[in-house]
Amino acid sequence: MKTTVITLGGTAAGGARSDRRAAMALYGVYEISKILTMPMQLEATLSSVLALLSSFLDMRHGLVALIDDDGSPEIVVGSGWNESVAKRYFERLPERAIGQIVTTKMPLVVANVEADPLFQGWESPDSTGPCSFIGVPIRDRDKVIGTLSIDRDCEDRASAAFDEDVRFLTMIANLIGQTVRLQRLILRDRERLISEQRRLEKTLEARPAPNRNPVITGILGESEAIRAVLTKVKLVARSNSTVLLRGESGTGKELFAQALHDLSPRKNGPFVKLNCAALPESVLESELFGHEKGAFTGAIAQRKGRFELADGGTLFLDEIGEISATFQAKLLRVLQEGEFERVGGTRTLKVDVRLVAATNRNLEEAVAHGGFRADLYYRISVVPIMLPPLRERPGDIAVLAREFLRRFNKEHGTTLSLTEDAMTVLGSCLFPGNVRELENCVRRTATLAHGSSIVANDFACRNDSCLSAVLWKGAGEAPVSRSGFIPLPVVGTMPSPSVRPGNSGPRDQQHRPGHVGGGQNRVSPADKDDASPLGDELERARLIEAMEMAGWVQAKAARLLGLTPRQIGYSLRKHGIPIKKF
């Protein structure tokens, strides 16, 4: 008898018997699909499928063989056989018969294997007489990954009956193919995860043990003053308490805020910062709280504010003492309730943010004079941290100077160094601008240095071009005038005058020399008759210096000199000083 290949396009036999077989086939697919979805090893799943398949088909043996890319059997499962017996049975099957199923990707039906050339010389394992053979391919998409085959007693069966059995076996083979593909994907992912886990374990084993006393990066110093601050920062960072960083300009408040975040449980959250003095009130509200689309002219889209962006992390508000009284009330609500609305919005938003604020102003005096809300002061000053000025940590000047020069050399590809006399010059300066001024001094000197080393004569103070004396004067000793250079009067070092007309009370007697915030102990142009005999010339010099310090912003210059913006404007017009615009 010739080999017959049955395609799946045949017409189903009619009649009641055909309907019953179709119903049984559908029920069989349902039951087998439940087995294929059970969490078992693939071999156990395939063995259960063959056991259930025998109850729906007349068959002696069933065999599922999964082959690798070389055509070798990878997994062989038989009904009622163990793995070794099933594999031997598969290996005894004619190679041409299995190869035809794999190559053509089509089912193979042999009504009587004894009369078919493909099975010439082949005997059934139990030798119970002639048998029929049906084999169908198991596919993973368009690729044949195995075969599903059965053999049964040889009987006179119509081709339609074979056709129904082939369709049923093809559906089962398709389900097996999908299951095999899914399990292989899961296995690959599992192996990848195991490999990644082993790699991470090796990485962790090679990593040094965590430091129980973590080092704060970016902050240099070995003095007692800075070590005390760092110890306090490490303690405070463990909590969610609001921190107020106090200190003069240039003491590195932003670096300490970053350290508080990096050492806190929120270190994996965002660190968002904003300079409150850099923005007007209307823009500041939008920056902090965000705005809705169409809230104002130019609001073309919804925008999240800094509070939303810092949710789960830390928000750093620099120069918080500069915000207006109106905005102080809005900020107080967020700090008390943890909720706010975007500008132009009605939906209340809640956030979990740790606040770190910073200022160089005397907030206590501002609260006493009504310039800063007392309730907001108590809200932000839960844990105040005073940052020491550089003059209180002179031992750190050398460390900082060398680090700033190292950064300069790296940026510019130079190899400059500081000589001993250069270090002596730096150590004798009080640096009213603190670390920021020291960095600028090192960079300016390195830029203008003539040789491969920075010497004492390279510094601006040795060439009568350093105006640091305007901001600081040593106790009991005025700056020395050289080559006709007349230092300008020192801001904040003159004795506090008595109560003057228009003042509501005495000046702050505890203000530190050199402190340029808070509005106390300043000499205004109106004091020229008492402060200096130079008269109008000295007043003009003071105005120019204050405007340069304030970046030619009249309001800031007014705060430096203890005047109102209106008085500053009058004095500028009086002396004919043109306003520089940037």
Foldseek 3Di string as FASTA:
>chain_A
DEWDFDFLPDDADDDPVSVVLVVLLVVLLVVLLVLLPDPDPLQVSVQVNQVSVVVSDAFDKKKKFFADPVRHTDFIHMHPDDRVVRNVVVVLQQPVQQVCCQVVQGKIKFLWLPPYPSNPPGADPVNPDTKIKIKHFQDQVPHGGIIIMTIHHRDDDDVSVVSSVNVSVHSSSPSSNVSVVVVVVVVVVVVVVVVVVVVVVVVVVPDDDDDPLDDQPPDDADDPQVVVLVVVLLVVLADLAFEEEEEFAQLCLVSSQLSSFCNYPLVVFDEAEDEPVVDDPVVVLCQAAWAADPLDPPSNHTDGHPQVRRFSGEYEYEAPLPDFPVVLVVVLCCLVPQWDHHRVGDDIDHGDYRYYYYHHAPVVVCCVVVRHPPSSVCSNHVDYRYRDFCLVRLVCLVVLLQVLVVVVCVVVVAQEEEDPQNNVLSSVDSPLNGSVVSSVQSNVLVVQPDDRYRHNCSGVVVVLRDLVLQQDADPPGHDDDDPNRDHAHHFQPDQFDADDPPDPHGFDRPDDRSRQHHQGRGAALVCDVPPHPPRPVNNVVLLVVLCVVVVLDLCSSCSSRNHHSVVSVVSCVVVVPDGDDD
